């Protein structure tokens, strides 16, 4: 589930797909959040960039639990 969110964000923000240089920094932030397991940051970035990720009920429940743990 975290991997799904990360992949969708990586596709949406990859610097090779955007002329704006700010995407290089954004992409790095997403990579770092994924490596650190910072699910909250990944979810926030997904909302910021309006990235739609299909999660089933089990994945959604796991996501909610992981975010609660990180608080």
Protein backbone atom coordinates (compact mmCIF):
# COMPACT_ATOMS: atom_id res chain seq x y z
CA UNK A 1 0.00 0.00 0.00
CA UNK A 2 2.82 2.41 0.81
CA UNK A 3 4.52 1.26 -2.37
CA UNK A 4 1.36 2.03 -4.39
CA UNK A 5 1.24 5.58 -3.05
CA UNK A 6 4.96 6.06 -3.65
CA UNK A 7 4.80 4.80 -7.24
CA UNK A 8 1.84 7.01 -8.08
CA UNK A 9 3.60 10.04 -6.61
CA UNK A 10 6.84 9.23 -8.39
CA UNK A 11 5.01 9.07 -11.72
CA UNK A 12 3.23 12.35 -11.04
CA UNK A 13 6.27 14.31 -9.86
CA UNK A 14 9.25 12.82 -11.70
CA UNK A 15 11.53 15.69 -12.75
CA UNK A 16 12.04 14.20 -16.23
CA UNK A 17 8.34 14.81 -16.90
CA UNK A 18 8.27 18.45 -15.78
CA UNK A 19 10.15 21.51 -16.96
CA UNK A 20 9.76 23.25 -13.60
CA UNK A 21 12.95 22.67 -11.53
CA UNK A 22 10.95 22.57 -8.29
CA UNK A 23 9.90 19.01 -9.16
CA UNK A 24 13.42 17.74 -8.57
CA UNK A 25 13.21 18.81 -4.91
CA UNK A 26 9.67 17.50 -4.54
CA UNK A 27 10.70 14.16 -6.02
CA UNK A 28 13.60 13.96 -3.54
CA UNK A 29 11.25 14.70 -0.64
CA UNK A 30 8.93 11.92 -1.76
CA UNK A 31 11.84 9.49 -2.08
CA UNK A 32 13.06 10.39 1.39
CA UNK A 33 9.60 10.01 2.93
CA UNK A 34 9.26 6.58 1.33
CA UNK A 35 12.69 5.46 2.54
CA UNK A 36 11.90 6.66 6.07
CA UNK A 37 8.45 5.05 6.00
CA UNK A 38 6.79 8.42 6.56
CA UNK A 39 3.32 7.46 5.37
CA UNK A 40 1.75 10.70 6.58
CA UNK A 41 4.05 12.73 4.33
CA UNK A 42 3.31 10.49 1.36
CA UNK A 43 -0.43 10.84 1.88
CA UNK A 44 -0.14 14.63 2.21
CA UNK A 45 1.88 14.82 -1.01
CA UNK A 46 -0.70 12.63 -2.75
CA UNK A 47 -3.41 15.10 -1.72
CA UNK A 48 -1.26 18.09 -2.74
CA UNK A 49 -0.72 16.70 -6.22
CA UNK A 50 -4.21 15.21 -6.51
CA UNK A 51 -2.77 11.74 -7.08
CA UNK A 52 -5.49 9.12 -7.09
CA UNK A 53 -4.46 5.78 -5.60
CA UNK A 54 -6.87 2.86 -5.58
CA UNK A 55 -6.79 1.20 -2.15
CA UNK A 56 -9.01 -1.67 -1.12
CA UNK A 57 -10.66 -1.74 2.31
CA UNK A 58 -7.85 -3.75 3.90
CA UNK A 59 -5.15 -1.42 2.55
CA UNK A 60 -7.12 1.61 3.68
CA UNK A 61 -7.49 0.15 7.17
CA UNK A 62 -3.73 -0.58 7.32
CA UNK A 63 -2.99 2.96 6.16
CA UNK A 64 -5.16 4.44 8.90
CA UNK A 65 -3.44 2.28 11.55
CA UNK A 66 0.05 3.24 10.37
CA UNK A 67 -0.81 6.93 10.37
CA UNK A 68 -2.18 6.65 13.91
CA UNK A 69 1.02 4.95 15.05
CA UNK A 70 3.15 7.73 13.55
CA UNK A 71 1.27 10.47 15.40
